Amino acid sequence: FAEQLDKGARQIELDPSDDPQGGLFATPLARKLLTEKGVTPP
């Protein structure tokens, strides 16, 4: 963000997802699928 604003950006976009209890997005599916393929996720 700091680099963007330093460059001159004066509009920032954020995409929020509601998670009132927490944990809804803690284990992304892409990581699970890679593990099932025998690939260690980054």
ModelCIF file with pLDDT and N, C-alpha, C, O atoms, coordinates in Angstrom:
data_MODEL
#
_entry.id   MODEL 
#
_entity.id                         1 
_entity.type                       polymer 
_entity.pdbx_number_of_molecules   1 
#
_entity_poly.entity_id                      1 
_entity_poly.type                           'polypeptide(L)' 
_entity_poly.nstd_linkage                   no 
_entity_poly.nstd_monomer                   no 
_entity_poly.pdbx_seq_one_letter_code       FAEQLDKGARQIELDPSDDPQGGLFATPLARKLLTEKGVTPP 
_entity_poly.pdbx_seq_one_letter_code_can   FAEQLDKGARQIELDPSDDPQGGLFATPLARKLLTEKGVTPP 
_entity_poly.pdbx_strand_id                 A 
#
loop_
_entity_poly_seq.entity_id 
_entity_poly_seq.num 
_entity_poly_seq.mon_id 
_entity_poly_seq.hetero 
1 1  PHE n 
1 2  ALA n 
1 3  GLU n 
1 4  GLN n 
1 5  LEU n 
1 6  ASP n 
1 7  LYS n 
1 8  GLY n 
1 9  ALA n 
1 10 ARG n 
1 11 GLN n 
1 12 ILE n 
1 13 GLU n 
1 14 LEU n 
1 15 ASP n 
1 16 PRO n 
1 17 SER n 
1 18 ASP n 
1 19 ASP n 
1 20 PRO n 
1 21 GLN n 
1 22 GLY n 
1 23 GLY n 
1 24 LEU n 
1 25 PHE n 
1 26 ALA n 
1 27 THR n 
1 28 PRO n 
1 29 LEU n 
1 30 ALA n 
1 31 ARG n 
1 32 LYS n 
1 33 LEU n 
1 34 LEU n 
1 35 THR n 
1 36 GLU n 
1 37 LYS n 
1 38 GLY n 
1 39 VAL n 
1 40 THR n 
1 41 PRO n 
1 42 PRO n 
#
_struct_asym.id          A 
_struct_asym.entity_id   1 
#
loop_
_ma_qa_metric.id 
_ma_qa_metric.mode 
_ma_qa_metric.name 
_ma_qa_metric.software_group_id 
_ma_qa_metric.type 
1 global pLDDT . pLDDT 
2 local  pLDDT . pLDDT 
#
_ma_qa_metric_global.metric_id      1 
_ma_qa_metric_global.metric_value   96.71 
_ma_qa_metric_global.model_id       1 
_ma_qa_metric_global.ordinal_id     1 
#
loop_
_ma_qa_metric_local.label_asym_id 
_ma_qa_metric_local.label_comp_id 
_ma_qa_metric_local.label_seq_id 
_ma_qa_metric_local.metric_id 
_ma_qa_metric_local.metric_value 
_ma_qa_metric_local.model_id 
_ma_qa_metric_local.ordinal_id 
A PHE 1  2 98.00 1 1  
A ALA 2  2 98.00 1 2  
A GLU 3  2 98.00 1 3  
A GLN 4  2 98.00 1 4  
A LEU 5  2 98.00 1 5  
A ASP 6  2 98.00 1 6  
A LYS 7  2 97.00 1 7  
A GLY 8  2 97.00 1 8  
A ALA 9  2 98.00 1 9  
A ARG 10 2 98.00 1 10 
A GLN 11 2 98.00 1 11 
A ILE 12 2 98.00 1 12 
A GLU 13 2 98.00 1 13 
A LEU 14 2 98.00 1 14 
A ASP 15 2 98.00 1 15 
A PRO 16 2 98.00 1 16 
A SER 17 2 97.00 1 17 
A ASP 18 2 97.00 1 18 
A ASP 19 2 97.00 1 19 
A PRO 20 2 97.00 1 20 
A GLN 21 2 96.00 1 21 
A GLY 22 2 97.00 1 22 
A GLY 23 2 97.00 1 23 
A LEU 24 2 97.00 1 24 
A PHE 25 2 97.00 1 25 
A ALA 26 2 96.00 1 26 
A THR 27 2 96.00 1 27 
A PRO 28 2 97.00 1 28 
A LEU 29 2 96.00 1 29 
A ALA 30 2 96.00 1 30 
A ARG 31 2 96.00 1 31 
A LYS 32 2 96.00 1 32 
A LEU 33 2 96.00 1 33 
A LEU 34 2 96.00 1 34 
A THR 35 2 96.00 1 35 
A GLU 36 2 95.00 1 36 
A LYS 37 2 94.00 1 37 
A GLY 38 2 95.00 1 38 
A VAL 39 2 95.00 1 39 
A THR 40 2 94.00 1 40 
A PRO 41 2 95.00 1 41 
A PRO 42 2 95.00 1 42 
#
loop_
_atom_site.group_PDB 
_atom_site.id 
_atom_site.type_symbol 
_atom_site.label_atom_id 
_atom_site.label_alt_id 
_atom_site.label_comp_id 
_atom_site.label_asym_id 
_atom_site.label_entity_id 
_atom_site.label_seq_id 
_atom_site.pdbx_PDB_ins_code 
_atom_site.Cartn_x 
_atom_site.Cartn_y 
_atom_site.Cartn_z 
_atom_site.occupancy 
_atom_site.B_iso_or_equiv 
_atom_site.pdbx_formal_charge 
_atom_site.auth_seq_id 
_atom_site.auth_comp_id 
_atom_site.auth_asym_id 
_atom_site.auth_atom_id 
_atom_site.pdbx_PDB_model_num 
ATOM 1   N N  . PHE A 1 1  ? 0.828   -1.206  0.000  1.00 98.00 ? 1  PHE A N  1 
ATOM 2   C CA . PHE A 1 1  ? 0.000   0.000   0.000  1.00 98.00 ? 1  PHE A CA 1 
ATOM 3   C C  . PHE A 1 1  ? 0.863   1.257   0.000  1.00 98.00 ? 1  PHE A C  1 
ATOM 4   O O  . PHE A 1 1  ? 0.591   2.204   -0.737 1.00 98.00 ? 1  PHE A O  1 
ATOM 5   N N  . ALA A 1 2  ? 1.894   1.259   0.822  1.00 98.00 ? 2  ALA A N  1 
ATOM 6   C CA . ALA A 1 2  ? 2.750   2.447   0.924  1.00 98.00 ? 2  ALA A CA 1 
ATOM 7   C C  . ALA A 1 2  ? 3.391   2.779   -0.415 1.00 98.00 ? 2  ALA A C  1 
ATOM 8   O O  . ALA A 1 2  ? 3.465   3.949   -0.793 1.00 98.00 ? 2  ALA A O  1 
ATOM 9   N N  . GLU A 1 3  ? 3.858   1.758   -1.140 1.00 98.00 ? 3  GLU A N  1 
ATOM 10  C CA . GLU A 1 3  ? 4.463   2.006   -2.451 1.00 98.00 ? 3  GLU A CA 1 
ATOM 11  C C  . GLU A 1 3  ? 3.429   2.532   -3.440 1.00 98.00 ? 3  GLU A C  1 
ATOM 12  O O  . GLU A 1 3  ? 3.723   3.434   -4.224 1.00 98.00 ? 3  GLU A O  1 
ATOM 13  N N  . GLN A 1 4  ? 2.231   1.977   -3.408 1.00 98.00 ? 4  GLN A N  1 
ATOM 14  C CA . GLN A 1 4  ? 1.180   2.458   -4.307 1.00 98.00 ? 4  GLN A CA 1 
ATOM 15  C C  . GLN A 1 4  ? 0.840   3.916   -4.023 1.00 98.00 ? 4  GLN A C  1 
ATOM 16  O O  . GLN A 1 4  ? 0.724   4.725   -4.943 1.00 98.00 ? 4  GLN A O  1 
ATOM 17  N N  . LEU A 1 5  ? 0.684   4.242   -2.758 1.00 98.00 ? 5  LEU A N  1 
ATOM 18  C CA . LEU A 1 5  ? 0.331   5.612   -2.382 1.00 98.00 ? 5  LEU A CA 1 
ATOM 19  C C  . LEU A 1 5  ? 1.470   6.577   -2.683 1.00 98.00 ? 5  LEU A C  1 
ATOM 20  O O  . LEU A 1 5  ? 1.234   7.704   -3.119 1.00 98.00 ? 5  LEU A O  1 
ATOM 21  N N  . ASP A 1 6  ? 2.703   6.139   -2.452 1.00 98.00 ? 6  ASP A N  1 
ATOM 22  C CA . ASP A 1 6  ? 3.857   6.972   -2.801 1.00 98.00 ? 6  ASP A CA 1 
ATOM 23  C C  . ASP A 1 6  ? 3.907   7.244   -4.306 1.00 98.00 ? 6  ASP A C  1 
ATOM 24  O O  . ASP A 1 6  ? 4.326   8.318   -4.738 1.00 98.00 ? 6  ASP A O  1 
ATOM 25  N N  . LYS A 1 7  ? 3.480   6.272   -5.086 1.00 97.00 ? 7  LYS A N  1 
ATOM 26  C CA . LYS A 1 7  ? 3.487   6.410   -6.546 1.00 97.00 ? 7  LYS A CA 1 
ATOM 27  C C  . LYS A 1 7  ? 2.392   7.358   -7.029 1.00 97.00 ? 7  LYS A C  1 
ATOM 28  O O  . LYS A 1 7  ? 2.451   7.857   -8.153 1.00 97.00 ? 7  LYS A O  1 
ATOM 29  N N  . GLY A 1 8  ? 1.397   7.605   -6.182 1.00 97.00 ? 8  GLY A N  1 
ATOM 30  C CA . GLY A 1 8  ? 0.331   8.531   -6.556 1.00 97.00 ? 8  GLY A CA 1 
ATOM 31  C C  . GLY A 1 8  ? -1.061  7.969   -6.486 1.00 97.00 ? 8  GLY A C  1 
ATOM 32  O O  . GLY A 1 8  ? -2.019  8.687   -6.772 1.00 97.00 ? 8  GLY A O  1 
ATOM 33  N N  . ALA A 1 9  ? -1.218  6.706   -6.114 1.00 98.00 ? 9  ALA A N  1 
ATOM 34  C CA . ALA A 1 9  ? -2.564  6.134   -6.000 1.00 98.00 ? 9  ALA A CA 1 
ATOM 35  C C  . ALA A 1 9  ? -3.356  6.896   -4.947 1.00 98.00 ? 9  ALA A C  1 
ATOM 36  O O  . ALA A 1 9  ? -2.881  7.102   -3.830 1.00 98.00 ? 9  ALA A O  1 
ATOM 37  N N  . ARG A 1 10 ? -4.559  7.310   -5.305 1.00 98.00 ? 10 ARG A N  1 
ATOM 38  C CA . ARG A 1 10 ? -5.450  7.961   -4.349 1.00 98.00 ? 10 ARG A CA 1 
ATOM 39  C C  . ARG A 1 10 ? -6.806  7.263   -4.315 1.00 98.00 ? 10 ARG A C  1 
ATOM 40  O O  . ARG A 1 10 ? -7.807  7.836   -3.884 1.00 98.00 ? 10 ARG A O  1 
ATOM 41  N N  . GLN A 1 11 ? -6.818  6.035   -4.770 1.00 98.00 ? 11 GLN A N  1 
ATOM 42  C CA . GLN A 1 11 ? -7.973  5.163   -4.598 1.00 98.00 ? 11 GLN A CA 1 
ATOM 43  C C  . GLN A 1 11 ? -7.444  3.768   -4.325 1.00 98.00 ? 11 GLN A C  1 
ATOM 44  O O  . GLN A 1 11 ? -6.625  3.243   -5.080 1.00 98.00 ? 11 GLN A O  1 
ATOM 45  N N  . ILE A 1 12 ? -7.916  3.174   -3.242 1.00 98.00 ? 12 ILE A N  1 
ATOM 46  C CA . ILE A 1 12 ? -7.509  1.843   -2.819 1.00 98.00 ? 12 ILE A CA 1 
ATOM 47  C C  . ILE A 1 12 ? -8.748  0.969   -2.751 1.00 98.00 ? 12 ILE A C  1 
ATOM 48  O O  . ILE A 1 12 ? -9.796  1.404   -2.273 1.00 98.00 ? 12 ILE A O  1 
ATOM 49  N N  . GLU A 1 13 ? -8.629  -0.262  -3.228 1.00 98.00 ? 13 GLU A N  1 
ATOM 50  C CA . GLU A 1 13 ? -9.774  -1.176  -3.184 1.00 98.00 ? 13 GLU A CA 1 
ATOM 51  C C  . GLU A 1 13 ? -9.484  -2.347  -2.253 1.00 98.00 ? 13 GLU A C  1 
ATOM 52  O O  . GLU A 1 13 ? -8.414  -2.954  -2.311 1.00 98.00 ? 13 GLU A O  1 
ATOM 53  N N  . LEU A 1 14 ? -10.447 -2.652  -1.403 1.00 98.00 ? 14 LEU A N  1 
ATOM 54  C CA . LEU A 1 14 ? -10.379 -3.813  -0.516 1.00 98.00 ? 14 LEU A CA 1 
ATOM 55  C C  . LEU A 1 14 ? -11.611 -4.685  -0.754 1.00 98.00 ? 14 LEU A C  1 
ATOM 56  O O  . LEU A 1 14 ? -12.714 -4.171  -0.936 1.00 98.00 ? 14 LEU A O  1 
ATOM 57  N N  . ASP A 1 15 ? -11.418 -6.003  -0.750 1.00 98.00 ? 15 ASP A N  1 
ATOM 58  C CA . ASP A 1 15 ? -12.516 -6.959  -0.940 1.00 98.00 ? 15 ASP A CA 1 
ATOM 59  C C  . ASP A 1 15 ? -12.733 -7.731  0.362  1.00 98.00 ? 15 ASP A C  1 
ATOM 60  O O  . ASP A 1 15 ? -12.058 -8.735  0.589  1.00 98.00 ? 15 ASP A O  1 
ATOM 61  N N  . PRO A 1 16 ? -13.648 -7.294  1.214  1.00 98.00 ? 16 PRO A N  1 
ATOM 62  C CA . PRO A 1 16 ? -13.846 -7.969  2.494  1.00 98.00 ? 16 PRO A CA 1 
ATOM 63  C C  . PRO A 1 16 ? -14.804 -9.157  2.392  1.00 98.00 ? 16 PRO A C  1 
ATOM 64  O O  . PRO A 1 16 ? -15.771 -9.130  1.630  1.00 98.00 ? 16 PRO A O  1 
ATOM 65  N N  . SER A 1 17 ? -14.517 -10.190 3.170  1.00 97.00 ? 17 SER A N  1 
ATOM 66  C CA . SER A 1 17 ? -15.411 -11.330 3.331  1.00 97.00 ? 17 SER A CA 1 
ATOM 67  C C  . SER A 1 17 ? -15.747 -11.444 4.812  1.00 97.00 ? 17 SER A C  1 
ATOM 68  O O  . SER A 1 17 ? -14.862 -11.403 5.666  1.00 97.00 ? 17 SER A O  1 
ATOM 69  N N  . ASP A 1 18 ? -17.018 -11.586 5.102  1.00 97.00 ? 18 ASP A N  1 
ATOM 70  C CA . ASP A 1 18 ? -17.454 -11.629 6.497  1.00 97.00 ? 18 ASP A CA 1 
ATOM 71  C C  . ASP A 1 18 ? -17.073 -12.966 7.134  1.00 97.00 ? 18 ASP A C  1 
ATOM 72  O O  . ASP A 1 18 ? -17.239 -14.026 6.530  1.00 97.00 ? 18 ASP A O  1 
ATOM 73  N N  . ASP A 1 19 ? -16.569 -12.896 8.342  1.00 97.00 ? 19 ASP A N  1 
ATOM 74  C CA . ASP A 1 19 ? -16.141 -14.100 9.065  1.00 97.00 ? 19 ASP A CA 1 
ATOM 75  C C  . ASP A 1 19 ? -16.297 -13.849 10.568 1.00 97.00 ? 19 ASP A C  1 
ATOM 76  O O  . ASP A 1 19 ? -15.303 -13.783 11.292 1.00 97.00 ? 19 ASP A O  1 
ATOM 77  N N  . PRO A 1 20 ? -17.542 -13.710 11.038 1.00 97.00 ? 20 PRO A N  1 
ATOM 78  C CA . PRO A 1 20 ? -17.766 -13.284 12.426 1.00 97.00 ? 20 PRO A CA 1 
ATOM 79  C C  . PRO A 1 20 ? -17.250 -14.260 13.472 1.00 97.00 ? 20 PRO A C  1 
ATOM 80  O O  . PRO A 1 20 ? -16.893 -13.848 14.576 1.00 97.00 ? 20 PRO A O  1 
ATOM 81  N N  . GLN A 1 21 ? -17.207 -15.545 13.143 1.00 96.00 ? 21 GLN A N  1 
ATOM 82  C CA . GLN A 1 21 ? -16.732 -16.539 14.107 1.00 96.00 ? 21 GLN A CA 1 
ATOM 83  C C  . GLN A 1 21 ? -15.238 -16.845 13.946 1.00 96.00 ? 21 GLN A C  1 
ATOM 84  O O  . GLN A 1 21 ? -14.601 -17.335 14.878 1.00 96.00 ? 21 GLN A O  1 
ATOM 85  N N  . GLY A 1 22 ? -14.689 -16.561 12.782 1.00 97.00 ? 22 GLY A N  1 
ATOM 86  C CA . GLY A 1 22 ? -13.299 -16.885 12.497 1.00 97.00 ? 22 GLY A CA 1 
ATOM 87  C C  . GLY A 1 22 ? -13.155 -18.305 11.970 1.00 97.00 ? 22 GLY A C  1 
ATOM 88  O O  . GLY A 1 22 ? -13.959 -19.182 12.286 1.00 97.00 ? 22 GLY A O  1 
ATOM 89  N N  . GLY A 1 23 ? -12.130 -18.518 11.171 1.00 97.00 ? 23 GLY A N  1 
ATOM 90  C CA . GLY A 1 23 ? -11.823 -19.859 10.693 1.00 97.00 ? 23 GLY A CA 1 
ATOM 91  C C  . GLY A 1 23 ? -12.451 -20.252 9.372  1.00 97.00 ? 23 GLY A C  1 
ATOM 92  O O  . GLY A 1 23 ? -12.119 -21.307 8.831  1.00 97.00 ? 23 GLY A O  1 
ATOM 93  N N  . LEU A 1 24 ? -13.347 -19.441 8.835  1.00 97.00 ? 24 LEU A N  1 
ATOM 94  C CA . LEU A 1 24 ? -14.044 -19.804 7.606  1.00 97.00 ? 24 LEU A CA 1 
ATOM 95  C C  . LEU A 1 24 ? -13.088 -19.974 6.431  1.00 97.00 ? 24 LEU A C  1 
ATOM 96  O O  . LEU A 1 24 ? -13.325 -20.797 5.547  1.00 97.00 ? 24 LEU A O  1 
ATOM 97  N N  . PHE A 1 25 ? -12.010 -19.199 6.422  1.00 97.00 ? 25 PHE A N  1 
ATOM 98  C CA . PHE A 1 25 ? -11.068 -19.228 5.296  1.00 97.00 ? 25 PHE A CA 1 
ATOM 99  C C  . PHE A 1 25 ? -9.667  -19.678 5.727  1.00 97.00 ? 25 PHE A C  1 
ATOM 100 O O  . PHE A 1 25 ? -8.679  -19.380 5.055  1.00 97.00 ? 25 PHE A O  1 
ATOM 101 N N  . ALA A 1 26 ? -9.591  -20.392 6.847  1.00 96.00 ? 26 ALA A N  1 
ATOM 102 C CA . ALA A 1 26 ? -8.290  -20.739 7.430  1.00 96.00 ? 26 ALA A CA 1 
ATOM 103 C C  . ALA A 1 26 ? -7.567  -21.850 6.696  1.00 96.00 ? 26 ALA A C  1 
ATOM 104 O O  . ALA A 1 26 ? -6.349  -21.977 6.821  1.00 96.00 ? 26 ALA A O  1 
ATOM 105 N N  . THR A 1 27 ? -8.293  -22.663 5.927  1.00 96.00 ? 27 THR A N  1 
ATOM 106 C CA . THR A 1 27 ? -7.661  -23.779 5.209  1.00 96.00 ? 27 THR A CA 1 
ATOM 107 C C  . THR A 1 27 ? -8.071  -23.738 3.740  1.00 96.00 ? 27 THR A C  1 
ATOM 108 O O  . THR A 1 27 ? -8.985  -24.458 3.340  1.00 96.00 ? 27 THR A O  1 
ATOM 109 N N  . PRO A 1 28 ? -7.418  -22.915 2.936  1.00 97.00 ? 28 PRO A N  1 
ATOM 110 C CA . PRO A 1 28 ? -7.794  -22.774 1.522  1.00 97.00 ? 28 PRO A CA 1 
ATOM 111 C C  . PRO A 1 28 ? -7.755  -24.102 0.768  1.00 97.00 ? 28 PRO A C  1 
ATOM 112 O O  . PRO A 1 28 ? -6.835  -24.903 0.936  1.00 97.00 ? 28 PRO A O  1 
ATOM 113 N N  . LEU A 1 29 ? -8.767  -24.314 -0.059 1.00 96.00 ? 29 LEU A N  1 
ATOM 114 C CA . LEU A 1 29 ? -8.896  -25.556 -0.805 1.00 96.00 ? 29 LEU A CA 1 
ATOM 115 C C  . LEU A 1 29 ? -7.688  -25.821 -1.701 1.00 96.00 ? 29 LEU A C  1 
ATOM 116 O O  . LEU A 1 29 ? -7.273  -26.970 -1.849 1.00 96.00 ? 29 LEU A O  1 
ATOM 117 N N  . ALA A 1 30 ? -7.125  -24.785 -2.294 1.00 96.00 ? 30 ALA A N  1 
ATOM 118 C CA . ALA A 1 30 ? -5.975  -24.978 -3.184 1.00 96.00 ? 30 ALA A CA 1 
ATOM 119 C C  . ALA A 1 30 ? -4.835  -25.683 -2.467 1.00 96.00 ? 30 ALA A C  1 
ATOM 120 O O  . ALA A 1 30 ? -4.153  -26.515 -3.064 1.00 96.00 ? 30 ALA A O  1 
ATOM 121 N N  . ARG A 1 31 ? -4.621  -25.367 -1.216 1.00 96.00 ? 31 ARG A N  1 
ATOM 122 C CA . ARG A 1 31 ? -3.544  -25.997 -0.461 1.00 96.00 ? 31 ARG A CA 1 
ATOM 123 C C  . ARG A 1 31 ? -3.858  -27.480 -0.210 1.00 96.00 ? 31 ARG A C  1 
ATOM 124 O O  . ARG A 1 31 ? -2.968  -28.329 -0.267 1.00 96.00 ? 31 ARG A O  1 
ATOM 125 N N  . LYS A 1 32 ? -5.108  -27.771 0.062  1.00 96.00 ? 32 LYS A N  1 
ATOM 126 C CA . LYS A 1 32 ? -5.511  -29.164 0.270  1.00 96.00 ? 32 LYS A CA 1 
ATOM 127 C C  . LYS A 1 32 ? -5.302  -29.976 -1.008 1.00 96.00 ? 32 LYS A C  1 
ATOM 128 O O  . LYS A 1 32 ? -4.775  -31.088 -0.966 1.00 96.00 ? 32 LYS A O  1 
ATOM 129 N N  . LEU A 1 33 ? -5.714  -29.418 -2.131 1.00 96.00 ? 33 LEU A N  1 
ATOM 130 C CA . LEU A 1 33 ? -5.606  -30.136 -3.402 1.00 96.00 ? 33 LEU A CA 1 
ATOM 131 C C  . LEU A 1 33 ? -4.148  -30.385 -3.781 1.00 96.00 ? 33 LEU A C  1 
ATOM 132 O O  . LEU A 1 33 ? -3.814  -31.443 -4.315 1.00 96.00 ? 33 LEU A O  1 
ATOM 133 N N  . LEU A 1 34 ? -3.283  -29.413 -3.504 1.00 96.00 ? 34 LEU A N  1 
ATOM 134 C CA . LEU A 1 34 ? -1.862  -29.629 -3.781 1.00 96.00 ? 34 LEU A CA 1 
ATOM 135 C C  . LEU A 1 34 ? -1.297  -30.743 -2.905 1.00 96.00 ? 34 LEU A C  1 
ATOM 136 O O  . LEU A 1 34 ? -0.531  -31.586 -3.372 1.00 96.00 ? 34 LEU A O  1 
ATOM 137 N N  . THR A 1 35 ? -1.678  -30.738 -1.647 1.00 96.00 ? 35 THR A N  1 
ATOM 138 C CA . THR A 1 35 ? -1.204  -31.777 -0.726 1.00 96.00 ? 35 THR A CA 1 
ATOM 139 C C  . THR A 1 35 ? -1.656  -33.154 -1.189 1.00 96.00 ? 35 THR A C  1 
ATOM 140 O O  . THR A 1 35 ? -0.895  -34.119 -1.111 1.00 96.00 ? 35 THR A O  1 
ATOM 141 N N  . GLU A 1 36 ? -2.900  -33.249 -1.673 1.00 95.00 ? 36 GLU A N  1 
ATOM 142 C CA . GLU A 1 36 ? -3.400  -34.532 -2.174 1.00 95.00 ? 36 GLU A CA 1 
ATOM 143 C C  . GLU A 1 36 ? -2.620  -35.004 -3.396 1.00 95.00 ? 36 GLU A C  1 
ATOM 144 O O  . GLU A 1 36 ? -2.541  -36.204 -3.663 1.00 95.00 ? 36 GLU A O  1 
ATOM 145 N N  . LYS A 1 37 ? -2.046  -34.062 -4.134 1.00 94.00 ? 37 LYS A N  1 
ATOM 146 C CA . LYS A 1 37 ? -1.229  -34.400 -5.299 1.00 94.00 ? 37 LYS A CA 1 
ATOM 147 C C  . LYS A 1 37 ? 0.211   -34.718 -4.922 1.00 94.00 ? 37 LYS A C  1 
ATOM 148 O O  . LYS A 1 37 ? 1.028   -35.057 -5.777 1.00 94.00 ? 37 LYS A O  1 
ATOM 149 N N  . GLY A 1 38 ? 0.511   -34.605 -3.637 1.00 95.00 ? 38 GLY A N  1 
ATOM 150 C CA . GLY A 1 38 ? 1.875   -34.840 -3.185 1.00 95.00 ? 38 GLY A CA 1 
ATOM 151 C C  . GLY A 1 38 ? 2.774   -33.636 -3.331 1.00 95.00 ? 38 GLY A C  1 
ATOM 152 O O  . GLY A 1 38 ? 3.997   -33.758 -3.260 1.00 95.00 ? 38 GLY A O  1 
ATOM 153 N N  . VAL A 1 39 ? 2.174   -32.457 -3.538 1.00 95.00 ? 39 VAL A N  1 
ATOM 154 C CA . VAL A 1 39 ? 2.932   -31.215 -3.681 1.00 95.00 ? 39 VAL A CA 1 
ATOM 155 C C  . VAL A 1 39 ? 2.805   -30.403 -2.392 1.00 95.00 ? 39 VAL A C  1 
ATOM 156 O O  . VAL A 1 39 ? 1.699   -30.177 -1.901 1.00 95.00 ? 39 VAL A O  1 
ATOM 157 N N  . THR A 1 40 ? 3.920   -29.976 -1.859 1.00 94.00 ? 40 THR A N  1 
ATOM 158 C CA . THR A 1 40 ? 3.895   -29.155 -0.648 1.00 94.00 ? 40 THR A CA 1 
ATOM 159 C C  . THR A 1 40 ? 3.537   -27.717 -1.017 1.00 94.00 ? 40 THR A C  1 
ATOM 160 O O  . THR A 1 40 ? 4.251   -27.086 -1.797 1.00 94.00 ? 40 THR A O  1 
ATOM 161 N N  . PRO A 1 41 ? 2.446   -27.192 -0.468 1.00 95.00 ? 41 PRO A N  1 
ATOM 162 C CA . PRO A 1 41 ? 2.074   -25.805 -0.788 1.00 95.00 ? 41 PRO A CA 1 
ATOM 163 C C  . PRO A 1 41 ? 3.140   -24.830 -0.317 1.00 95.00 ? 41 PRO A C  1 
ATOM 164 O O  . PRO A 1 41 ? 3.768   -25.063 0.716  1.00 95.00 ? 41 PRO A O  1 
ATOM 165 N N  . PRO A 1 42 ? 3.359   -23.748 -1.046 1.00 95.00 ? 42 PRO A N  1 
ATOM 166 C CA . PRO A 1 42 ? 4.327   -22.731 -0.606 1.00 95.00 ? 42 PRO A CA 1 
ATOM 167 C C  . PRO A 1 42 ? 3.954   -22.179 0.772  1.00 95.00 ? 42 PRO A C  1 
ATOM 168 O O  . PRO A 1 42 ? 4.653   -21.316 1.302  1.00 95.00 ? 42 PRO A O  1 
#
